Each structure stands twice: as C-alpha cells, then as structure tokens.
Amino acid sequence: MFASLSTTALLSLGSLAFVIPLCLFLGVRVSHYKKRNEHTQQQLLAQQQYHQQQLGERDNRLERERQEAQQLQQKLTLVHGRYESLKATLEQKEAHFEQQLQLVKDSKDQLKQEFSALAQQVFEDKSQQFKSLNQQSMEQILKPVQGELKGFRDKMEHIHSQELQQRAALKAELVHLQKLNQSITEQAERLSTALQGQKKTQGNWGELMLENVLDSAGLRLNEDYRREASFDTPEGRFRPDVVVYLPQQRHIIVDAKTSLNAYTRYVNAHSDIEAHQALAEHVQAMNERINELASKDYHRLEQLNSPEVVIMFVPIESAYVEALKYQPDLYQCAIERNILVATPTTLLTSLNIVKQLWRFEDQSKHTQELAKRAERFYAKLNSFLVSMDGVGKQLDKAKETYDKAFSQLYSGKGNLIKQANEFKELGVAVQKELPAELREKAELELQQAQ
C-alpha cells in the first residue's frame, strides 16, 4: 500500500515538475504578447490620429475652396446682373430712339402728303391765273417756301446720316470694349510695381489711368468732363479728381486716389503670412478711402447738381477682386456709404452709357428743333396759301374790272368805238385805224341790240 502511494506521489511530483515550468513559460509568453499587442495598439492609435488630422486638414482646405468658389460665383452673378441691367438700359434707349426716329419719319411723310395735296389743289385752282403773273414775282413769292422746304429736307438727311453713324460707332465701341479694358489693365499691372511707395506719383498715375478710361470712352476734356475743379465753401475748398457732365446739367464725381501700396506688397509677397497681412492692409486702405469719400458730401456743393453717389476708381481689376475675396461685403458696405467702386471695365461700360445718353440728348434736341422747323414751315405754307387765295381773288376782281372797262369800248349805243367812227365820218383826220377786231365786235353788238 505504501509502495502504491509512493508511486502515485512520485507521479504527481513529476507532473508538477513539468507543469510548473510550463506555466511559467506560458506566463512569460503571454506577458510578451500582451506588451506587443499594447505597442501595436498604440501604433494603430497614432496612425489613426494622424489620418484623422490629415482628413480634417483636407476638409478645411475643401471648405475654403468651396467658400472661394461661392464668392467667385456671387461676384460673377453680380457682374452678370450689372451687365444685363446695362444691356437692358441700352436696348431701352435704342427703342426710344427708334420710336423718335419713326415719329419724325411719319411726320415728314404726313407733311409731305399734306403739302402735296394742298399744293396740287392750289395749282389746279389757280393754274390759269398763274399764266398771267410775272415769272420774277412768282420766284419772290415761292422763294421763302422753297428755303423752308430745303432746310427741312437737309435737316432730315442730316439726322438720318447721323443716326447711321452713331449706330456704327456704338457697335464698334462694344466690339473694342474688351480690348480696351485688357490694355488698360495690363498697363496698370506694369506700372503699379514701379510706383510702389510713391504716394504723390501713385495718385497722379491713378488720375492718368482714369483719364485714359475717359478718353477710351470718347469723352472730351472740358466738354464732357473736367479735371480737378475747385469749389470754395464755408467748410473749405473741395477739389474732386473728375467731374463728368451728364445731360440736363447734371454731374457725377469720380475719385482716383485709391492707395495700392499694400496691394503691391501682396502681389510681391514671398510667404502666405506676408501676403495675408498685406491683403488685410489693402482692404483696410480701401475701407478708409470709402469712408473719407463718404464724409466729403460732394452732393451738397451748390455749384454741382450731383447725386449722392460718388464713383471710387480702382485702376487695377485684380486689386478689387482680391479685396472682395478677403471682404465679400466690401461692395455692399461701399454702396451703403453712397460710394460706387468701379474698375476700368465697369467704369468704361458706364461711361459708354453716359456717351450714349449725350447722343440721345443731342438727338432729342435735333428732334425738337425739327418739330419747330416743321411748325414754322407749316405756318409759312399756310400763310403762302392764304396769300395765294388773296391773289386769286384779286385776279378775279381785276378780270371783272377789266371786262367791265373793256366792254365800254364796244358795248351800248354810245360806246367809244362808235363815237370814234363818227368823228372820222365828220372829217376828222386819223393817222391810224382802230383795230379791226374791236370795230367788228362793236358793230356786232349794235346789230344784236337792234
């Protein structure tokens, strides 16, 4: 029995001797794998955080690009709306001009028909009397009417020729508008770098660019616009850069002193931080200039008949575009201060409309003058017809008096021809016989009376 127990004990001890090292070995391996697992999880967590950071940066970049695209789309919509508005205004003016021209043509045709009808009636009624009038007297009577008619015809031909020339000029200006704007913008970009830091020279350059735009629009110095006009008031002296003349003695102010120093630094920046700081200063300079112009109250000057809006000219297109990207409500803020920010493209388009307004104003004046001349012509024609009617009545009366006086020669028993023949029968010497036709007519009258 003891032998059996010993054997069992030995076996148990042998098993324990095997199991214990095995358990120790397994514990060591489990601890090793656990550490490796923790290290792997830390690596995976770090990679996950890195990828999440990359995804966040990509989402932020996509959001910025989406916002920029949205801002550009809003600006494109605004420009398109302005273009459609200007196009509609131009079409409306052309339609009004066509109506005025058609009215003039209809008036011309109507006057021509009335004149032809009246002249034909007068000529038919008085053709017999005209034969007895002296040719020189007729020319003197008709000369004023012919002069009025010639002036009327010349005026109509001049208006028609002018209308054709203006249409051709308008088409040419619209075709070259884009080329002119591109040339002005490129010139502005080249000069802006050279003028950096020179405030006085930069101001003069802005005024020069503004004058180039005015000349490109066909406006004439001291006729369609005036530079640096001086206006003295109790508050001081005001000298706007340009005063553009509008029809009906109205004016509009254009300012060209926008600073571009910060924008030049933005263009030439070597880092994003430097560019962002320069762009912020550029937008701040534009806002300060907007506030400065708004405080001048040019529309209160008694010497000007100007609306409250003042045009602030920015000579470089991209300078205004970048400012809008940085501050999308810049345009709206300027409008609320009665300041209209304009680049060479928008200003050139607006000035072309001003030029067309002047042309329509001239056409309106010509139309009014033509109407007055037509009124004078009609009055002159009426006076001529009244005079001709009086001439006809005088001719009828003269013919009646002539017939009555002439009948005394051969009518009645004591007519003059009979008495003259009796003198001859009494022996009165006559050197020349009376016309045989009158003697025969007198004898015939006596025979019919008997």
Protein backbone atom coordinates (compact mmCIF):
# COMPACT_ATOMS: atom_id res chain seq x y z
CA MET A 1 0.00 0.00 0.00
CA PHE A 2 2.81 2.36 0.89
CA ALA A 3 4.51 1.30 -2.25
CA SER A 4 1.45 2.28 -4.25
CA LEU A 5 1.21 5.66 -2.55
CA SER A 6 4.84 6.34 -3.20
CA THR A 7 4.42 5.61 -6.81
CA THR A 8 1.42 7.94 -7.06
CA ALA A 9 3.23 10.64 -5.19
CA LEU A 10 6.18 10.34 -7.44
CA LEU A 11 3.99 10.65 -10.49
CA SER A 12 2.28 13.73 -9.02
CA LEU A 13 5.58 15.29 -8.22
CA GLY A 14 6.81 14.55 -11.72
CA SER A 15 3.70 16.19 -13.22
CA LEU A 16 4.14 19.21 -11.06
CA ALA A 17 7.73 19.44 -12.11
CA PHE A 18 6.56 19.58 -15.72
CA VAL A 19 3.50 21.79 -15.28
CA ILE A 20 5.11 24.50 -13.21
CA PRO A 21 7.84 25.35 -15.75
CA LEU A 22 5.26 25.14 -18.48
CA CYS A 23 3.03 27.61 -16.64
CA LEU A 24 5.97 29.90 -16.06
CA PHE A 25 6.92 29.72 -19.73
CA LEU A 26 3.35 30.39 -20.83
CA GLY A 27 3.09 33.33 -18.40
CA VAL A 28 6.24 34.87 -19.84
CA ARG A 29 4.99 34.42 -23.42
CA VAL A 30 1.56 35.84 -22.57
CA SER A 31 3.18 38.89 -20.96
CA HIS A 32 5.39 39.33 -24.02
CA TYR A 33 2.46 39.10 -26.45
CA LYS A 34 0.45 41.45 -24.27
CA LYS A 35 3.19 44.08 -24.44
CA ARG A 36 3.48 43.61 -28.20
CA ASN A 37 -0.29 43.96 -28.50
CA GLU A 38 -0.27 47.18 -26.46
CA HIS A 39 2.57 48.57 -28.59
CA THR A 40 0.71 47.63 -31.78
CA GLN A 41 -2.47 49.29 -30.49
CA GLN A 42 -0.52 52.45 -29.68
CA GLN A 43 0.92 52.49 -33.20
CA LEU A 44 -2.54 51.96 -34.70
CA LEU A 45 -3.95 54.74 -32.49
CA ALA A 46 -1.17 57.12 -33.57
CA GLN A 47 -1.75 56.28 -37.23
CA GLN A 48 -5.49 56.77 -36.75
CA GLN A 49 -4.92 60.19 -35.16
CA TYR A 50 -2.54 61.16 -37.97
CA HIS A 51 -5.04 60.12 -40.64
CA GLN A 52 -7.85 61.94 -38.83
CA GLN A 53 -5.69 65.09 -38.73
CA GLN A 54 -4.95 64.73 -42.46
CA LEU A 55 -8.67 64.27 -43.17
CA GLY A 56 -9.50 67.37 -41.05
CA GLU A 57 -6.94 69.48 -42.91
CA ARG A 58 -8.27 68.22 -46.24
CA ASP A 59 -11.86 69.02 -45.17
CA ASN A 60 -10.79 72.51 -44.08
CA ARG A 61 -8.98 73.07 -47.38
CA LEU A 62 -12.02 71.84 -49.33
CA GLU A 63 -14.28 74.14 -47.26
CA ARG A 64 -12.04 77.16 -48.00
CA GLU A 65 -12.01 76.30 -51.70
CA ARG A 66 -15.79 75.87 -51.64
CA GLN A 67 -16.22 79.28 -49.98
CA GLU A 68 -13.88 80.91 -52.51
CA ALA A 69 -15.81 79.29 -55.35
CA GLN A 70 -19.07 80.51 -53.82
CA GLN A 71 -17.67 84.06 -53.53
CA LEU A 72 -16.49 83.98 -57.14
CA GLN A 73 -19.91 82.71 -58.20
CA GLN A 74 -21.60 85.55 -56.29
CA LYS A 75 -19.30 88.09 -57.94
CA LEU A 76 -19.96 86.53 -61.34
CA THR A 77 -23.70 86.73 -60.67
CA LEU A 78 -23.34 90.38 -59.63
CA VAL A 79 -21.32 91.26 -62.74
CA HIS A 80 -23.75 89.38 -64.94
CA GLY A 81 -26.68 91.21 -63.34
CA ARG A 82 -24.98 94.55 -63.89
CA TYR A 83 -24.26 93.63 -67.49
CA GLU A 84 -27.88 92.62 -68.06
CA SER A 85 -29.07 95.87 -66.46
CA LEU A 86 -26.79 97.98 -68.66
CA LYS A 87 -27.79 95.97 -71.69
CA ALA A 88 -31.49 96.46 -70.90
CA THR A 89 -30.93 100.22 -70.44
CA LEU A 90 -29.13 100.43 -73.77
CA GLU A 91 -31.85 98.45 -75.53
CA GLN A 92 -34.49 100.71 -73.96
CA LYS A 93 -32.65 103.82 -75.17
CA GLU A 94 -32.30 102.34 -78.67
CA ALA A 95 -36.01 101.50 -78.73
CA HIS A 96 -36.86 105.04 -77.61
CA PHE A 97 -34.58 106.46 -80.29
CA GLU A 98 -36.19 104.23 -82.92
CA GLN A 99 -39.62 105.48 -81.84
CA GLN A 100 -38.47 109.10 -82.07
CA LEU A 101 -36.94 108.47 -85.49
CA GLN A 102 -40.11 106.73 -86.70
CA LEU A 103 -42.17 109.65 -85.37
CA VAL A 104 -40.00 112.08 -87.33
CA LYS A 105 -40.31 109.94 -90.47
CA ASP A 106 -44.08 109.71 -90.07
CA SER A 107 -44.30 113.47 -89.52
CA LYS A 108 -42.19 114.04 -92.60
CA ASP A 109 -44.38 111.76 -94.71
CA GLN A 110 -47.56 113.34 -93.35
CA LEU A 111 -46.30 116.86 -94.01
CA LYS A 112 -45.17 115.83 -97.45
CA GLN A 113 -48.59 114.36 -98.25
CA GLU A 114 -50.43 117.40 -96.87
CA PHE A 115 -48.15 119.76 -98.75
CA SER A 116 -48.55 117.77 -101.97
CA ALA A 117 -52.34 117.71 -101.60
CA LEU A 118 -52.58 121.41 -100.79
CA ALA A 119 -50.11 122.39 -103.48
CA GLN A 120 -51.91 120.26 -106.06
CA GLN A 121 -55.24 121.83 -105.10
CA VAL A 122 -53.83 125.34 -105.31
CA PHE A 123 -52.06 124.67 -108.59
CA GLU A 124 -55.18 123.15 -110.13
CA ASP A 125 -57.43 126.01 -108.95
CA LYS A 126 -55.07 128.81 -109.89
CA SER A 127 -53.19 127.45 -112.90
CA GLN A 128 -54.97 129.80 -115.29
CA GLN A 129 -54.17 132.84 -113.14
CA PHE A 130 -50.51 131.85 -112.81
CA LYS A 131 -50.04 132.20 -116.56
CA SER A 132 -50.64 135.94 -116.35
CA LEU A 133 -48.25 136.52 -113.43
CA ASN A 134 -44.73 137.70 -113.96
CA GLN A 135 -42.10 134.96 -113.52
CA GLN A 136 -39.96 137.12 -111.29
CA SER A 137 -42.86 137.85 -108.93
CA MET A 138 -43.61 134.13 -108.64
CA GLU A 139 -40.00 133.40 -107.71
CA GLN A 140 -40.12 136.04 -104.99
CA ILE A 141 -43.34 134.52 -103.59
CA LEU A 142 -42.06 130.92 -103.69
CA LYS A 143 -38.51 131.62 -102.54
CA PRO A 144 -39.29 131.64 -98.74
CA VAL A 145 -41.29 128.41 -99.06
CA GLN A 146 -38.53 126.75 -101.09
CA GLY A 147 -35.97 127.82 -98.49
CA GLU A 148 -38.02 126.30 -95.67
CA LEU A 149 -38.57 123.11 -97.67
CA LYS A 150 -34.87 122.79 -98.48
CA GLY A 151 -33.92 123.36 -94.84
CA PHE A 152 -36.45 120.74 -93.75
CA ARG A 153 -35.08 118.20 -96.25
CA ASP A 154 -31.44 118.91 -95.30
CA LYS A 155 -32.26 118.52 -91.61
CA MET A 156 -33.94 115.16 -92.20
CA GLU A 157 -30.98 113.90 -94.25
CA HIS A 158 -28.56 115.10 -91.56
CA ILE A 159 -30.48 113.31 -88.79
CA HIS A 160 -30.68 110.10 -90.81
CA SER A 161 -26.96 110.21 -91.62
CA GLN A 162 -26.10 110.97 -88.00
CA GLU A 163 -28.27 108.09 -86.78
CA LEU A 164 -26.45 105.64 -89.09
CA GLN A 165 -23.05 106.91 -87.96
CA GLN A 166 -24.00 106.61 -84.30
CA ARG A 167 -25.19 103.04 -84.75
CA ALA A 168 -21.92 102.09 -86.43
CA ALA A 169 -19.93 103.87 -83.73
CA LEU A 170 -21.88 102.10 -80.97
CA LYS A 171 -21.20 98.68 -82.49
CA ALA A 172 -17.51 99.49 -82.87
CA GLU A 173 -17.27 100.65 -79.27
CA LEU A 174 -18.92 97.49 -77.97
CA VAL A 175 -16.55 95.33 -80.07
CA HIS A 176 -13.43 97.15 -78.81
CA LEU A 177 -14.60 97.46 -75.20
CA GLN A 178 -12.93 94.23 -74.09
CA LYS A 179 -9.68 95.02 -75.91
CA LEU A 180 -9.52 98.48 -74.38
CA ASN A 181 -10.14 97.09 -70.90
CA GLN A 182 -7.45 94.43 -71.30
CA SER A 183 -4.94 97.02 -72.48
CA ILE A 184 -5.73 99.34 -69.57
CA THR A 185 -5.48 96.51 -67.02
CA GLU A 186 -2.13 95.29 -68.36
CA GLN A 187 -0.77 98.82 -68.32
CA ALA A 188 -1.94 99.24 -64.74
CA GLU A 189 -0.28 95.99 -63.65
CA ARG A 190 3.06 97.04 -65.22
CA LEU A 191 3.08 100.49 -63.66
CA SER A 192 1.87 99.56 -60.18
CA THR A 193 5.20 97.96 -59.19
CA ALA A 194 7.21 100.96 -60.39
CA LEU A 195 5.03 103.33 -58.37
CA GLN A 196 5.21 101.43 -55.07
CA GLY A 197 5.80 103.72 -52.10
CA GLN A 198 5.47 106.99 -54.05
CA LYS A 199 2.09 108.29 -52.86
CA LYS A 200 2.05 111.52 -54.92
CA THR A 201 3.26 109.77 -58.08
CA GLN A 202 0.79 106.93 -57.49
CA GLY A 203 -2.07 109.44 -57.15
CA ASN A 204 -1.05 111.11 -60.41
CA TRP A 205 -0.82 107.71 -62.06
CA GLY A 206 -4.34 106.81 -60.88
CA GLU A 207 -5.63 110.07 -62.35
CA LEU A 208 -3.77 109.32 -65.59
CA MET A 209 -5.37 105.86 -65.78
CA LEU A 210 -8.77 107.44 -65.13
CA GLU A 211 -8.19 109.95 -67.93
CA ASN A 212 -7.22 107.09 -70.28
CA VAL A 213 -10.53 105.37 -69.49
CA LEU A 214 -12.41 108.64 -70.10
CA ASP A 215 -10.64 109.12 -73.43
CA SER A 216 -11.29 105.49 -74.39
CA ALA A 217 -14.99 106.08 -73.74
CA GLY A 218 -14.92 109.00 -76.20
CA LEU A 219 -15.43 111.75 -73.61
CA ARG A 220 -13.72 115.11 -74.28
CA LEU A 221 -11.79 117.11 -71.68
CA ASN A 222 -13.51 120.38 -70.64
CA GLU A 223 -16.52 119.46 -72.79
CA ASP A 224 -17.77 116.14 -71.42
CA TYR A 225 -15.73 116.16 -68.18
CA ARG A 226 -13.48 118.44 -66.12
CA ARG A 227 -10.38 117.60 -64.05
CA GLU A 228 -9.60 118.94 -60.55
CA ALA A 229 -12.33 121.56 -60.50
CA SER A 230 -12.09 123.77 -57.39
CA PHE A 231 -15.16 124.61 -55.28
CA ASP A 232 -14.95 127.01 -52.33
CA THR A 233 -17.42 126.59 -49.46
CA PRO A 234 -17.62 127.84 -45.85
CA GLU A 235 -16.27 124.43 -44.80
CA GLY A 236 -13.22 124.76 -47.07
CA ARG A 237 -12.09 124.06 -50.62
CA PHE A 238 -13.09 120.87 -52.46
CA ARG A 239 -11.18 119.55 -55.50
CA PRO A 240 -12.65 116.30 -56.87
CA ASP A 241 -10.45 114.47 -59.36
CA VAL A 242 -13.00 114.40 -62.20
CA VAL A 243 -16.47 115.89 -62.70
CA VAL A 244 -18.36 114.14 -65.54
CA TYR A 245 -21.08 116.20 -67.22
CA LEU A 246 -24.45 114.50 -67.68
CA PRO A 247 -27.47 115.64 -69.73
CA GLN A 248 -29.88 118.19 -68.21
CA GLN A 249 -26.98 119.99 -66.42
CA ARG A 250 -26.24 117.13 -64.03
CA HIS A 251 -22.84 115.92 -62.80
CA ILE A 252 -21.19 112.87 -61.26
CA ILE A 253 -17.94 112.78 -59.24
CA VAL A 254 -15.13 110.25 -59.92
CA ASP A 255 -12.24 109.81 -57.43
CA ALA A 256 -8.89 108.23 -58.42
CA LYS A 257 -6.78 108.43 -55.24
CA THR A 258 -7.13 104.82 -54.04
CA SER A 259 -3.83 103.64 -52.49
CA LEU A 260 -2.32 100.44 -53.95
CA ASN A 261 0.88 100.19 -51.87
CA ALA A 262 -0.43 97.33 -49.73
CA TYR A 263 -1.73 95.53 -52.83
CA THR A 264 1.71 95.78 -54.43
CA ARG A 265 3.25 94.20 -51.31
CA TYR A 266 0.60 91.49 -51.51
CA VAL A 267 1.50 90.67 -55.11
CA ASN A 268 5.23 90.56 -54.34
CA ALA A 269 4.91 88.69 -51.02
CA HIS A 270 7.23 85.69 -50.50
CA SER A 271 5.13 83.93 -47.85
CA ASP A 272 1.49 83.31 -47.05
CA ILE A 273 1.76 85.27 -43.78
CA GLU A 274 3.24 88.29 -45.53
CA ALA A 275 0.61 88.07 -48.28
CA HIS A 276 -2.25 87.79 -45.80
CA GLN A 277 -1.02 90.78 -43.79
CA ALA A 278 -0.56 92.90 -46.95
CA LEU A 279 -4.01 91.95 -48.24
CA ALA A 280 -5.59 92.92 -44.90
CA GLU A 281 -3.85 96.31 -45.09
CA HIS A 282 -5.04 96.73 -48.70
CA VAL A 283 -8.67 96.10 -47.70
CA GLN A 284 -8.27 98.46 -44.74
CA ALA A 285 -6.92 101.18 -47.09
CA MET A 286 -9.91 100.75 -49.40
CA ASN A 287 -12.35 100.98 -46.48
CA GLU A 288 -10.62 104.11 -45.20
CA ARG A 289 -10.83 105.71 -48.65
CA ILE A 290 -14.54 104.79 -48.86
CA ASN A 291 -15.20 106.46 -45.50
CA GLU A 292 -13.13 109.50 -46.49
CA LEU A 293 -15.08 109.98 -49.74
CA ALA A 294 -18.41 109.48 -47.96
CA SER A 295 -17.52 112.23 -45.48
CA LYS A 296 -16.91 114.83 -48.22
CA ASP A 297 -20.62 115.10 -49.19
CA TYR A 298 -19.92 116.32 -52.73
CA HIS A 299 -23.64 116.30 -53.48
CA ARG A 300 -24.10 119.23 -51.09
CA LEU A 301 -21.97 121.56 -53.25
CA GLU A 302 -24.22 124.28 -54.65
CA GLN A 303 -22.11 124.55 -57.82
CA LEU A 304 -22.88 120.91 -58.72
CA ASN A 305 -26.08 119.08 -59.47
CA SER A 306 -24.76 115.68 -58.42
CA PRO A 307 -26.44 112.59 -56.93
CA GLU A 308 -25.29 111.32 -53.55
CA VAL A 309 -23.27 108.52 -55.21
CA VAL A 310 -19.53 109.07 -55.81
CA ILE A 311 -17.53 106.71 -58.05
CA MET A 312 -14.28 105.43 -56.45
CA PHE A 313 -11.98 104.33 -59.29
CA VAL A 314 -9.66 101.34 -58.69
CA PRO A 315 -7.24 101.24 -61.67
CA ILE A 316 -6.35 97.52 -61.33
CA GLU A 317 -9.06 94.89 -61.73
CA SER A 318 -7.33 92.25 -59.59
CA ALA A 319 -6.84 94.71 -56.71
CA TYR A 320 -10.60 94.99 -56.35
CA VAL A 321 -11.17 91.25 -56.92
CA GLU A 322 -8.70 90.26 -54.18
CA ALA A 323 -10.28 92.78 -51.81
CA LEU A 324 -13.69 91.23 -52.47
CA LYS A 325 -12.30 87.77 -51.75
CA TYR A 326 -10.99 88.99 -48.41
CA GLN A 327 -14.10 91.03 -47.56
CA PRO A 328 -17.10 89.81 -49.62
CA ASP A 329 -19.38 92.57 -48.28
CA LEU A 330 -16.99 95.35 -49.36
CA TYR A 331 -19.18 96.33 -52.32
CA GLN A 332 -22.33 96.41 -50.17
CA CYS A 333 -20.60 98.43 -47.45
CA ALA A 334 -19.48 100.96 -50.06
CA ILE A 335 -22.99 101.22 -51.54
CA GLU A 336 -24.41 101.86 -48.07
CA ARG A 337 -21.99 104.81 -47.81
CA ASN A 338 -23.11 106.02 -51.29
CA ILE A 339 -19.77 105.03 -52.83
CA LEU A 340 -19.70 103.01 -56.07
CA VAL A 341 -16.41 101.14 -56.51
CA ALA A 342 -15.52 100.88 -60.22
CA THR A 343 -12.71 99.18 -62.13
CA PRO A 344 -11.63 100.06 -65.69
CA THR A 345 -14.12 97.53 -67.10
CA THR A 346 -17.19 98.71 -65.19
CA LEU A 347 -16.27 102.40 -65.46
CA LEU A 348 -15.65 102.13 -69.21
CA THR A 349 -19.04 100.47 -69.66
CA SER A 350 -20.75 103.14 -67.54
CA LEU A 351 -19.01 105.97 -69.41
CA ASN A 352 -20.08 104.49 -72.75
CA ILE A 353 -23.65 104.66 -71.47
CA VAL A 354 -23.04 108.30 -70.48
CA LYS A 355 -21.79 108.97 -74.00
CA GLN A 356 -24.90 107.33 -75.45
CA LEU A 357 -27.05 109.45 -73.13
CA TRP A 358 -25.39 112.55 -74.56
CA ARG A 359 -26.10 111.30 -78.08
CA PHE A 360 -29.71 110.66 -77.23
CA GLU A 361 -29.87 114.14 -75.69
CA ASP A 362 -28.50 115.64 -78.92
CA GLN A 363 -30.97 113.60 -80.95
CA SER A 364 -33.78 114.82 -78.73
CA LYS A 365 -32.68 118.42 -79.27
CA HIS A 366 -32.50 117.84 -83.02
CA THR A 367 -35.94 116.28 -82.96
CA GLN A 368 -37.35 119.25 -81.07
CA GLU A 369 -35.66 121.66 -83.47
CA LEU A 370 -37.03 119.66 -86.39
CA ALA A 371 -40.52 119.83 -84.92
CA LYS A 372 -40.17 123.60 -84.51
CA ARG A 373 -38.96 123.96 -88.08
CA ALA A 374 -41.83 121.81 -89.30
CA GLU A 375 -44.22 124.04 -87.33
CA ARG A 376 -42.67 127.16 -88.88
CA PHE A 377 -42.81 125.53 -92.31
CA TYR A 378 -46.48 124.66 -91.87
CA ALA A 379 -47.24 128.22 -90.70
CA LYS A 380 -45.31 129.62 -93.66
CA LEU A 381 -47.15 127.30 -96.04
CA ASN A 382 -50.48 128.32 -94.54
CA SER A 383 -49.55 131.99 -94.94
CA PHE A 384 -48.50 131.30 -98.53
CA LEU A 385 -51.81 129.59 -99.32
CA VAL A 386 -53.76 132.46 -97.75
CA SER A 387 -51.73 134.92 -99.82
CA MET A 388 -52.29 132.86 -102.97
CA ASP A 389 -56.02 132.75 -102.26
CA GLY A 390 -55.94 136.54 -101.91
CA VAL A 391 -54.02 136.79 -105.20
CA GLY A 392 -56.70 134.66 -106.87
CA LYS A 393 -59.48 136.84 -105.54
CA GLN A 394 -57.62 139.96 -106.67
CA LEU A 395 -57.12 138.41 -110.11
CA ASP A 396 -60.83 137.61 -110.34
CA LYS A 397 -61.70 141.14 -109.28
CA ALA A 398 -59.16 142.63 -111.70
CA LYS A 399 -60.55 140.49 -114.54
CA GLU A 400 -64.08 141.59 -113.68
CA THR A 401 -62.99 145.26 -113.67
CA TYR A 402 -61.06 144.71 -116.88
CA ASP A 403 -64.06 143.10 -118.61
CA LYS A 404 -66.33 145.91 -117.41
CA ALA A 405 -63.92 148.62 -118.58
CA PHE A 406 -63.21 146.90 -121.87
CA SER A 407 -66.92 146.41 -122.60
CA GLN A 408 -67.34 150.17 -122.55
CA LEU A 409 -65.34 150.29 -125.79
CA TYR A 410 -67.82 148.32 -127.87
CA SER A 411 -70.99 147.75 -125.80
CA GLY A 412 -74.05 150.01 -125.91
CA LYS A 413 -75.24 152.59 -128.42
CA GLY A 414 -72.82 155.25 -127.21
CA ASN A 415 -69.73 153.07 -126.99
CA LEU A 416 -66.35 154.68 -127.54
CA ILE A 417 -65.60 152.90 -130.82
CA LYS A 418 -68.88 154.11 -132.36
CA GLN A 419 -68.15 157.66 -131.25
CA ALA A 420 -64.61 157.45 -132.69
CA ASN A 421 -66.02 156.29 -136.05
CA GLU A 422 -68.47 159.19 -136.02
CA PHE A 423 -65.54 161.62 -135.62
CA LYS A 424 -63.99 160.06 -138.70
CA GLU A 425 -67.24 160.41 -140.67
CA LEU A 426 -67.34 164.11 -139.70
CA GLY A 427 -63.97 164.59 -141.41
CA VAL A 428 -61.57 164.29 -138.53
CA ALA A 429 -58.24 163.16 -139.89
CA VAL A 430 -56.87 159.97 -138.33
CA GLN A 431 -53.42 158.60 -138.89
CA LYS A 432 -54.09 155.06 -137.66
CA GLU A 433 -57.21 152.97 -137.82
CA LEU A 434 -58.66 151.32 -134.73
CA PRO A 435 -58.14 147.56 -134.51
CA ALA A 436 -60.49 145.81 -136.96
CA GLU A 437 -61.42 143.19 -134.36
CA LEU A 438 -62.77 145.84 -131.99
CA ARG A 439 -64.66 147.66 -134.79
CA GLU A 440 -66.28 144.40 -135.91
CA LYS A 441 -67.17 143.48 -132.33
CA ALA A 442 -68.76 146.92 -131.78
CA GLU A 443 -70.82 146.62 -134.99
CA LEU A 444 -71.95 143.12 -133.94
CA GLU A 445 -73.04 144.45 -130.53
CA LEU A 446 -75.08 147.23 -132.25
CA GLN A 447 -76.75 144.78 -134.63
CA GLN A 448 -77.71 142.45 -131.76
CA ALA A 449 -79.07 145.41 -129.76
CA GLN A 450 -81.31 146.46 -132.73
